[in-house]
Amino acid sequence: MASSTTTGALYDLVTGDEDARVCKDIPAASCQDQPRNFFAYLLANLLTKVADELASARLLLPWLFGALGAPLVLVGFLVPIREAGVLLPQLAVAAVIRQQPLRKPVWILGALLSAAALALMALAAATLSGATAGWIILALLVLFSLARGLCSVSAKDVLGKTVSKSRRGRLMGLSAGIAGTLTLAVGFYLELGVPAQTGVGVFVALLAVAAGLFALSALVFQGILEQPGATSGGGNALDTALESIGLLRTDPLFLRFVLVRVALLSVALTAPFYVLLAQQHSEGQLAGLGLMIIASGLASSLSAPLWGWLSDHSARWVMVLAAALAGVLGLVTWWLTLRPQGVGAVLLGHPLSFATLFLLLGIAHAGVRLGRKVYLVDMASAEQRAAMVAVSNTVIGGAMLIAGPIGLLGDYFGPALVVLVLGLGALLAFGLKDVSEPGDG
């Protein structure tokens, strides 16, 4: 009883509910369990966020492939497999999930499979090298991505059933902020505590820790008290997928949201341009990786709580502001690259310059991710939430694969094309209807 009272008091302190606990858009039976569910979801979510950073396909795995001597062509598959593998199968997965009155077990299964995939990656990295290691890790990355897809399509449904509207953004903001701080510590360790010429051992350790964090997150998530929900729509996977895609035709607001999300994908796709510039101005040592991880962690810890608070008032404006920040950053960076003998050479040649760029880009990326997640959860009804998550994620997965050649064009012509897309993303987000409800505290 004392533990329950303490949890409730801490929940009221974090959310500002005080005497009147907010219970909007969740089953009545879940209201009294909300403090417990809030913190269980918070802890499980931040554990997986840290684990994802330790196994990042944009930073850690490319460095690992280089240390293993894997063919460079395999490095190009890392991000598409990591992202599309999560997103593309979700329409079929969502049909199966909707057959289950409880979606929590699906998330737990995804977390355990993620742990197994990362543990096997660590084993492969410790015992193999060259192309063999690269192909095996890529195959395990497919498993990892599919497992993360199970978590993605079920997580928002569990969140929508257990945590009140106007409190979800705060939860995800706190989770991302704490996870960012922990990631920051990892970056400092790599920057200051690991020799620049360290081999694959440090990556094996990071993958093993990530696997352990996913296993722990499954145990924590088990503590969520989820009420049974609707099971409508859980039929034949193909029929249900086609029916779900029909939401793009019948729901204009959802269609516009998906188009905005496609445009905002450019914020994530901008990162390789900054990696390319950083490689051109550094020796590519482990110290450079540490600085980028520090910037990424600092961005989340600084911005995510604020983005979360703002998203509870207007998730639409969070997307607008984040996209605008990324657009301005791209314009400034592009302008600096056009002056290789002047101010551009001075600023871009400094070791902290790209850490600052990654910091600002990370702040923008955190806003885009958190804003669109809260917007979708607030926009969708309980009956349509899983289907809308799956449809939007599937569209984004396909768009990411199609966007590959655009990235190659950007490699040759600079970030100008990406900047234009970022501007389009901000414009589309501005036209979205507000669906958030400002909190009572």
Protein backbone atom coordinates (compact mmCIF):
# COMPACT_ATOMS: atom_id res chain seq x y z
CA MET A 1 0.00 0.00 0.00
CA ALA A 2 2.83 2.38 0.89
CA SER A 3 4.51 1.68 -2.42
CA SER A 4 1.26 2.35 -4.28
CA THR A 5 0.78 5.61 -2.35
CA THR A 6 4.35 6.70 -3.13
CA THR A 7 3.87 5.91 -6.83
CA GLY A 8 0.65 7.90 -6.92
CA ALA A 9 2.27 10.88 -5.18
CA LEU A 10 5.23 10.80 -7.57
CA TYR A 11 2.87 10.56 -10.53
CA ASP A 12 0.91 13.59 -9.32
CA LEU A 13 4.18 15.49 -8.87
CA VAL A 14 5.41 14.64 -12.37
CA THR A 15 2.12 15.34 -14.14
CA GLY A 16 0.81 18.14 -11.94
CA ASP A 17 -2.53 16.40 -11.40
CA GLU A 18 -2.56 17.11 -7.65
CA ASP A 19 -6.11 16.58 -6.32
CA ALA A 20 -7.88 15.75 -9.58
CA ARG A 21 -6.34 12.93 -11.57
CA VAL A 22 -6.85 13.32 -15.32
CA CYS A 23 -8.39 10.27 -17.01
CA LYS A 24 -9.20 11.07 -20.63
CA ASP A 25 -9.67 8.61 -23.47
CA ILE A 26 -8.76 5.49 -21.45
CA PRO A 27 -10.96 2.74 -19.94
CA ALA A 28 -12.43 3.74 -16.58
CA ALA A 29 -10.91 0.63 -14.99
CA SER A 30 -7.43 1.89 -15.95
CA CYS A 31 -7.72 5.19 -14.11
CA GLN A 32 -6.64 3.90 -10.71
CA ASP A 33 -3.76 1.96 -12.30
CA GLN A 34 -2.50 4.98 -14.23
CA PRO A 35 0.43 5.91 -11.90
CA ARG A 36 1.80 2.37 -11.99
CA ASN A 37 1.30 2.09 -15.74
CA PHE A 38 2.83 5.53 -16.33
CA PHE A 39 6.11 4.64 -14.67
CA ALA A 40 6.26 1.07 -15.99
CA TYR A 41 5.82 2.34 -19.53
CA LEU A 42 8.30 5.15 -18.85
CA LEU A 43 11.04 2.81 -17.61
CA ALA A 44 10.53 0.19 -20.32
CA ASN A 45 10.51 2.86 -23.01
CA LEU A 46 13.70 4.56 -21.85
CA LEU A 47 15.50 1.18 -21.57
CA THR A 48 14.68 0.40 -25.20
CA LYS A 49 15.68 3.91 -26.29
CA VAL A 50 19.12 3.52 -24.73
CA ALA A 51 19.46 0.04 -26.23
CA ASP A 52 18.54 1.39 -29.68
CA GLU A 53 21.28 4.01 -29.37
CA LEU A 54 23.85 1.40 -28.37
CA ALA A 55 22.98 -0.57 -31.53
CA SER A 56 22.42 2.44 -33.80
CA ALA A 57 22.45 1.63 -37.50
CA ARG A 58 23.43 5.23 -38.25
CA LEU A 59 26.45 5.42 -35.92
CA LEU A 60 27.53 2.30 -34.03
CA LEU A 61 26.99 -0.43 -36.64
CA PRO A 62 28.82 1.41 -39.47
CA TRP A 63 31.81 1.89 -37.18
CA LEU A 64 31.62 -1.80 -36.24
CA PHE A 65 31.55 -2.87 -39.89
CA GLY A 66 34.64 -0.81 -40.53
CA ALA A 67 36.44 -2.40 -37.59
CA LEU A 68 35.45 -5.87 -38.79
CA GLY A 69 36.64 -5.21 -42.32
CA ALA A 70 33.20 -5.85 -43.80
CA PRO A 71 32.73 -4.74 -47.44
CA LEU A 72 31.68 -1.11 -47.73
CA VAL A 73 28.70 -2.04 -49.88
CA LEU A 74 27.11 -3.76 -46.88
CA VAL A 75 27.24 -0.55 -44.84
CA GLY A 76 24.78 1.01 -47.27
CA PHE A 77 22.13 -1.54 -46.30
CA LEU A 78 22.22 -0.81 -42.57
CA VAL A 79 19.82 2.13 -42.29
CA PRO A 80 17.29 0.95 -44.92
CA ILE A 81 17.09 -2.50 -43.32
CA ARG A 82 16.84 -1.04 -39.82
CA GLU A 83 14.06 1.39 -40.70
CA ALA A 84 12.11 -0.37 -43.44
CA GLY A 85 12.31 -3.70 -41.62
CA VAL A 86 10.47 -2.09 -38.71
CA LEU A 87 7.85 -0.31 -40.78
CA LEU A 88 6.90 -2.28 -43.88
CA PRO A 89 5.44 -5.49 -42.33
CA GLN A 90 3.27 -3.66 -39.83
CA LEU A 91 0.00 -3.76 -41.75
CA ALA A 92 -0.02 -7.56 -41.62
CA VAL A 93 1.23 -7.57 -38.03
CA ALA A 94 -1.46 -5.10 -36.96
CA ALA A 95 -4.18 -7.45 -38.23
CA VAL A 96 -2.90 -10.21 -35.97
CA ILE A 97 -2.46 -7.87 -33.02
CA ARG A 98 -6.06 -6.66 -33.27
CA GLN A 99 -7.21 -10.22 -32.68
CA GLN A 100 -5.72 -9.99 -29.19
CA PRO A 101 -7.66 -8.19 -26.44
CA LEU A 102 -4.32 -7.60 -24.68
CA ARG A 103 -1.47 -6.08 -26.74
CA LYS A 104 1.14 -6.08 -23.97
CA PRO A 105 2.34 -9.66 -24.73
CA VAL A 106 3.10 -8.62 -28.31
CA TRP A 107 5.40 -5.86 -27.09
CA ILE A 108 7.14 -8.24 -24.69
CA LEU A 109 7.70 -10.76 -27.49
CA GLY A 110 9.23 -8.04 -29.65
CA ALA A 111 11.57 -6.96 -26.85
CA LEU A 112 12.75 -10.52 -26.20
CA LEU A 113 13.38 -11.15 -29.90
CA SER A 114 15.29 -7.86 -30.07
CA ALA A 115 17.45 -9.00 -27.15
CA ALA A 116 18.17 -12.31 -28.85
CA ALA A 117 19.12 -10.64 -32.16
CA LEU A 118 21.52 -8.21 -30.49
CA ALA A 119 23.11 -10.95 -28.38
CA LEU A 120 23.78 -12.95 -31.54
CA MET A 121 25.20 -9.84 -33.21
CA ALA A 122 27.64 -9.46 -30.33
CA LEU A 123 28.63 -13.11 -30.69
CA ALA A 124 29.16 -12.73 -34.45
CA ALA A 125 31.25 -9.58 -33.96
CA ALA A 126 33.40 -11.34 -31.34
CA THR A 127 34.08 -14.48 -33.39
CA LEU A 128 33.90 -13.49 -37.08
CA SER A 129 35.28 -10.84 -39.40
CA GLY A 130 35.12 -9.57 -42.95
CA ALA A 131 32.22 -10.29 -45.29
CA THR A 132 31.03 -13.28 -43.25
CA ALA A 133 30.53 -11.13 -40.16
CA GLY A 134 28.89 -8.41 -42.23
CA TRP A 135 26.32 -10.69 -43.86
CA ILE A 136 25.44 -12.45 -40.62
CA ILE A 137 25.00 -9.17 -38.75
CA LEU A 138 22.83 -7.86 -41.59
CA ALA A 139 20.64 -10.98 -41.37
CA LEU A 140 20.34 -10.49 -37.61
CA LEU A 141 19.52 -6.84 -38.21
CA VAL A 142 16.51 -7.99 -40.25
CA LEU A 143 15.32 -10.02 -37.25
CA PHE A 144 16.00 -7.11 -34.93
CA SER A 145 14.05 -4.70 -37.16
CA LEU A 146 11.06 -7.02 -37.42
CA ALA A 147 11.08 -7.48 -33.65
CA ARG A 148 11.17 -3.70 -33.13
CA GLY A 149 8.20 -3.51 -35.49
CA LEU A 150 6.20 -5.70 -33.10
CA CYS A 151 7.03 -3.28 -30.31
CA SER A 152 6.23 -0.22 -32.40
CA VAL A 153 2.79 -1.29 -33.57
CA SER A 154 1.70 -2.49 -30.11
CA ALA A 155 3.31 0.21 -27.94
CA LYS A 156 1.06 3.08 -28.98
CA ASP A 157 -2.02 0.93 -28.48
CA VAL A 158 -0.93 0.01 -24.95
CA LEU A 159 -0.09 3.66 -24.26
CA GLY A 160 -3.49 4.79 -25.52
CA LYS A 161 -5.26 2.29 -23.24
CA THR A 162 -3.26 2.90 -20.06
CA VAL A 163 -2.15 6.57 -19.98
CA SER A 164 -4.50 9.51 -20.24
CA LYS A 165 -4.64 11.97 -23.10
CA SER A 166 -2.64 15.12 -22.24
CA ARG A 167 -0.20 12.97 -20.22
CA ARG A 168 1.28 10.89 -23.04
CA GLY A 169 3.56 13.57 -24.39
CA ARG A 170 4.97 14.21 -20.93
CA LEU A 171 5.68 10.49 -20.52
CA MET A 172 7.47 10.16 -23.84
CA GLY A 173 9.32 13.42 -23.29
CA LEU A 174 10.62 12.28 -19.89
CA SER A 175 11.57 8.90 -21.31
CA ALA A 176 13.49 10.39 -24.22
CA GLY A 177 15.14 12.97 -21.97
CA ILE A 178 16.42 10.43 -19.43
CA ALA A 179 17.50 8.06 -22.19
CA GLY A 180 19.35 10.92 -23.85
CA THR A 181 21.23 11.64 -20.63
CA LEU A 182 22.28 7.99 -20.32
CA THR A 183 23.36 7.97 -23.96
CA LEU A 184 25.36 11.10 -23.23
CA ALA A 185 27.29 9.18 -20.57
CA VAL A 186 28.11 6.46 -23.11
CA GLY A 187 29.43 9.09 -25.51
CA PHE A 188 31.68 10.60 -22.85
CA TYR A 189 32.98 7.14 -22.03
CA LEU A 190 33.85 6.46 -25.67
CA GLU A 191 35.37 9.92 -26.03
CA LEU A 192 37.42 10.01 -22.84
CA GLY A 193 37.76 6.46 -21.54
CA VAL A 194 38.41 4.39 -24.67
CA PRO A 195 41.57 4.70 -26.80
CA ALA A 196 40.90 5.96 -30.31
CA GLN A 197 42.39 2.83 -31.87
CA THR A 198 40.29 0.35 -29.84
CA GLY A 199 39.14 -2.70 -31.83
CA VAL A 200 35.80 -4.50 -31.94
CA GLY A 201 35.75 -5.39 -28.24
CA VAL A 202 34.00 -2.17 -27.24
CA PHE A 203 31.28 -2.76 -29.86
CA VAL A 204 30.76 -6.33 -28.68
CA ALA A 205 30.27 -4.99 -25.15
CA LEU A 206 27.82 -2.30 -26.31
CA LEU A 207 25.72 -4.82 -28.25
CA ALA A 208 25.70 -7.18 -25.26
CA VAL A 209 24.55 -4.37 -22.95
CA ALA A 210 21.83 -3.42 -25.44
CA ALA A 211 20.60 -7.02 -25.47
CA GLY A 212 20.44 -7.01 -21.67
CA LEU A 213 18.48 -3.75 -21.65
CA PHE A 214 15.86 -5.18 -24.01
CA ALA A 215 15.48 -8.26 -21.80
CA LEU A 216 15.07 -6.01 -18.74
CA SER A 217 12.52 -3.83 -20.56
CA ALA A 218 10.39 -6.91 -21.24
CA LEU A 219 10.35 -7.67 -17.51
CA VAL A 220 9.36 -4.09 -16.67
CA PHE A 221 6.65 -3.94 -19.33
CA GLN A 222 5.10 -7.04 -17.80
CA GLY A 223 4.18 -4.84 -14.83
CA ILE A 224 1.72 -2.76 -16.88
CA LEU A 225 -1.92 -3.48 -16.00
CA GLU A 226 -3.70 -3.41 -19.35
CA GLN A 227 -7.47 -3.74 -19.69
CA PRO A 228 -8.81 -5.91 -22.55
CA GLY A 229 -9.64 -3.86 -25.63
CA ALA A 230 -11.51 -4.09 -28.90
CA THR A 231 -10.58 -6.94 -31.24
CA SER A 232 -12.45 -5.72 -34.33
CA GLY A 233 -10.45 -5.78 -37.55
CA GLY A 234 -8.48 -8.88 -36.64
CA GLY A 235 -9.22 -11.01 -39.68
CA ASN A 236 -7.31 -12.17 -42.72
CA ALA A 237 -4.08 -10.20 -42.78
CA LEU A 238 -4.26 -9.23 -46.47
CA ASP A 239 -7.95 -8.27 -46.35
CA THR A 240 -7.42 -6.29 -43.19
CA ALA A 241 -4.35 -4.59 -44.66
CA LEU A 242 -6.32 -3.47 -47.72
CA GLU A 243 -9.13 -2.26 -45.49
CA SER A 244 -6.67 -0.34 -43.32
CA ILE A 245 -5.06 1.32 -46.35
CA GLY A 246 -8.56 2.53 -47.19
CA LEU A 247 -8.25 4.90 -44.24
CA LEU A 248 -6.04 7.06 -46.47
CA ARG A 249 -9.05 7.53 -48.76
CA THR A 250 -11.80 7.88 -46.17
CA ASP A 251 -10.03 9.99 -43.54
CA PRO A 252 -8.67 13.27 -44.98
CA LEU A 253 -6.95 14.28 -41.73
CA PHE A 254 -5.13 10.97 -41.54
CA LEU A 255 -4.07 11.27 -45.19
CA ARG A 256 -2.65 14.73 -44.55
CA PHE A 257 -0.82 13.46 -41.48
CA VAL A 258 0.80 10.68 -43.53
CA LEU A 259 1.87 13.17 -46.20
CA VAL A 260 3.36 15.40 -43.52
CA ARG A 261 5.20 12.44 -42.05
CA VAL A 262 6.63 11.54 -45.46
CA ALA A 263 7.86 15.11 -45.90
CA LEU A 264 9.33 15.19 -42.38
CA LEU A 265 11.25 12.01 -43.18
CA SER A 266 13.78 14.38 -44.72
CA VAL A 267 14.83 15.43 -41.20
CA ALA A 268 16.08 11.90 -40.51
CA LEU A 269 17.56 11.53 -43.99
CA THR A 270 19.62 14.69 -43.50
CA ALA A 271 21.92 12.96 -40.99
CA PRO A 272 24.11 11.16 -43.60
CA PHE A 273 25.01 14.54 -45.11
CA TYR A 274 26.41 15.69 -41.80
CA VAL A 275 28.22 12.36 -41.37
CA LEU A 276 29.79 12.84 -44.81
CA LEU A 277 30.93 16.36 -43.95
CA ALA A 278 32.31 15.20 -40.61
CA GLN A 279 34.32 12.45 -42.29
CA GLN A 280 35.76 14.97 -44.72
CA HIS A 281 37.03 17.10 -41.83
CA SER A 282 38.26 14.39 -39.44
CA GLU A 283 40.24 11.19 -39.44
CA GLY A 284 37.22 9.03 -38.60
CA GLN A 285 38.63 7.86 -35.26
CA LEU A 286 36.53 6.46 -32.41
CA ALA A 287 36.76 9.89 -30.79
CA GLY A 288 34.61 11.29 -33.59
CA LEU A 289 31.96 8.68 -32.86
CA GLY A 290 32.02 9.62 -29.20
CA LEU A 291 31.43 13.29 -30.00
CA MET A 292 28.43 12.46 -32.20
CA ILE A 293 26.94 10.21 -29.52
CA ILE A 294 27.45 12.98 -26.96
CA ALA A 295 25.67 15.42 -29.24
CA SER A 296 22.82 12.99 -29.83
CA GLY A 297 22.35 12.28 -26.14
CA LEU A 298 22.58 15.95 -25.19
CA ALA A 299 19.99 16.85 -27.81
CA SER A 300 17.46 14.41 -26.38
CA SER A 301 18.11 15.27 -22.74
CA LEU A 302 17.79 19.01 -23.41
CA SER A 303 14.88 19.08 -25.81
CA ALA A 304 12.67 16.02 -25.32
CA PRO A 305 10.99 17.12 -22.06
CA LEU A 306 10.21 20.51 -23.60
CA TRP A 307 8.96 18.93 -26.83
CA GLY A 308 6.81 16.58 -24.73
CA TRP A 309 5.28 19.44 -22.77
CA LEU A 310 4.63 21.42 -25.95
CA SER A 311 3.10 18.41 -27.69
CA ASP A 312 0.47 18.08 -24.96
CA HIS A 313 -0.60 21.60 -25.93
CA SER A 314 -0.15 21.27 -29.71
CA ALA A 315 1.65 18.35 -31.35
CA ARG A 316 1.12 20.12 -34.67
CA TRP A 317 3.24 23.10 -33.60
CA VAL A 318 5.96 20.78 -32.33
CA MET A 319 6.28 19.29 -35.82
CA VAL A 320 6.26 22.76 -37.42
CA LEU A 321 8.96 24.17 -35.13
CA ALA A 322 11.18 21.08 -35.35
CA ALA A 323 11.01 20.98 -39.15
CA ALA A 324 11.75 24.70 -39.35
CA LEU A 325 14.80 24.28 -37.10
CA ALA A 326 16.15 21.48 -39.30
CA GLY A 327 15.53 23.57 -42.40
CA VAL A 328 17.41 26.60 -41.03
CA LEU A 329 20.27 24.35 -39.89
CA GLY A 330 20.53 22.86 -43.39
CA LEU A 331 20.60 26.30 -44.98
CA VAL A 332 23.35 27.54 -42.64
CA THR A 333 25.44 24.38 -43.15
CA TRP A 334 25.04 24.61 -46.92
CA TRP A 335 26.09 28.27 -46.83
CA LEU A 336 29.21 27.40 -44.84
CA THR A 337 30.23 24.66 -47.28
CA LEU A 338 30.14 27.21 -50.12
CA ARG A 339 32.91 29.18 -48.39
CA PRO A 340 35.75 26.66 -48.05
CA GLN A 341 38.42 29.37 -47.80
CA GLY A 342 36.62 31.77 -45.46
CA VAL A 343 34.34 31.49 -42.48
CA GLY A 344 33.27 28.03 -43.62
CA ALA A 345 36.80 26.68 -43.36
CA VAL A 346 37.25 28.16 -39.89
CA LEU A 347 33.99 26.86 -38.45
CA LEU A 348 33.78 23.47 -40.17
CA GLY A 349 37.44 22.78 -39.45
CA HIS A 350 36.92 22.98 -35.68
CA PRO A 351 36.40 19.60 -33.98
CA LEU A 352 33.34 20.83 -32.03
CA SER A 353 31.56 22.23 -35.07
CA PHE A 354 30.03 18.96 -36.21
CA ALA A 355 29.16 18.05 -32.64
CA THR A 356 27.16 21.29 -32.55
CA LEU A 357 25.52 20.49 -35.87
CA PHE A 358 24.53 17.05 -34.62
CA LEU A 359 23.22 18.62 -31.42
CA LEU A 360 20.91 20.96 -33.31
CA LEU A 361 19.88 18.29 -35.79
CA GLY A 362 19.18 15.92 -32.89
CA ILE A 363 16.94 18.54 -31.24
CA ALA A 364 14.97 18.90 -34.47
CA HIS A 365 14.76 15.15 -34.99
CA ALA A 366 13.55 14.62 -31.40
CA GLY A 367 10.79 17.17 -31.96
CA VAL A 368 9.65 15.60 -35.22
CA ARG A 369 9.57 12.10 -33.74
CA LEU A 370 7.81 13.01 -30.52
CA GLY A 371 5.37 15.43 -32.13
CA ARG A 372 4.15 13.02 -34.78
CA LYS A 373 3.81 10.17 -32.25
CA VAL A 374 1.66 12.22 -29.89
CA TYR A 375 -0.33 13.65 -32.81
CA LEU A 376 -1.21 10.19 -34.11
CA VAL A 377 -2.18 8.80 -30.70
CA ASP A 378 -4.36 11.85 -30.00
CA MET A 379 -5.91 11.87 -33.47
CA ALA A 380 -6.85 8.18 -33.66
CA SER A 381 -9.75 6.54 -31.89
CA ALA A 382 -9.15 3.42 -29.81
CA GLU A 383 -10.63 1.25 -32.56
CA GLN A 384 -8.49 2.74 -35.34
CA ARG A 385 -5.23 3.50 -33.53
CA ALA A 386 -3.39 0.25 -34.34
CA ALA A 387 -4.50 0.37 -37.99
CA MET A 388 -3.43 4.00 -38.42
CA VAL A 389 -0.04 3.32 -36.82
CA ALA A 390 0.50 0.36 -39.15
CA VAL A 391 -0.63 2.20 -42.30
CA SER A 392 1.49 5.29 -41.64
CA ASN A 393 4.54 3.20 -40.73
CA THR A 394 4.16 1.05 -43.84
CA VAL A 395 3.95 4.12 -46.08
CA ILE A 396 7.04 5.60 -44.39
CA GLY A 397 8.94 2.33 -44.82
CA GLY A 398 8.24 2.34 -48.54
CA ALA A 399 9.09 6.04 -48.82
CA MET A 400 12.41 5.44 -47.10
CA LEU A 401 13.41 2.80 -49.63
CA ILE A 402 12.37 5.08 -52.50
CA ALA A 403 14.31 7.97 -50.93
CA GLY A 404 17.64 6.13 -51.25
CA PRO A 405 18.47 7.58 -54.70
CA ILE A 406 17.58 11.04 -53.39
CA GLY A 407 20.30 10.60 -50.80
CA LEU A 408 22.79 9.80 -53.56
CA LEU A 409 21.78 12.95 -55.42
CA GLY A 410 22.24 14.93 -52.24
CA ASP A 411 25.72 13.47 -51.89
CA TYR A 412 26.66 15.07 -55.19
CA PHE A 413 24.67 18.32 -55.06
CA GLY A 414 24.74 19.12 -51.36
CA PRO A 415 21.91 19.61 -48.88
CA ALA A 416 19.92 22.10 -50.99
CA LEU A 417 17.43 19.45 -52.18
CA VAL A 418 16.91 18.19 -48.64
CA VAL A 419 16.37 21.76 -47.42
CA LEU A 420 13.55 22.21 -49.93
CA VAL A 421 11.84 19.07 -48.65
CA LEU A 422 12.23 20.26 -45.08
CA GLY A 423 10.49 23.50 -46.01
CA LEU A 424 7.64 21.49 -47.55
CA GLY A 425 7.38 19.42 -44.40
CA ALA A 426 7.01 22.52 -42.22
CA LEU A 427 4.38 23.97 -44.56
CA LEU A 428 2.31 20.77 -44.54
CA ALA A 429 2.57 20.41 -40.78
CA PHE A 430 1.29 23.98 -40.36
CA GLY A 431 -1.86 23.00 -42.23
CA LEU A 432 -2.71 20.12 -39.92
CA LYS A 433 -5.68 20.40 -37.60
CA ASP A 434 -4.93 20.56 -33.87
CA VAL A 435 -6.02 17.37 -32.11
CA SER A 436 -4.21 17.80 -28.78
CA GLU A 437 -6.03 18.81 -25.63
CA PRO A 438 -4.08 21.13 -23.32
CA GLY A 439 -3.61 19.51 -19.92
CA ASP A 440 -5.23 20.64 -16.73
CA GLY A 441 -1.92 21.06 -14.93
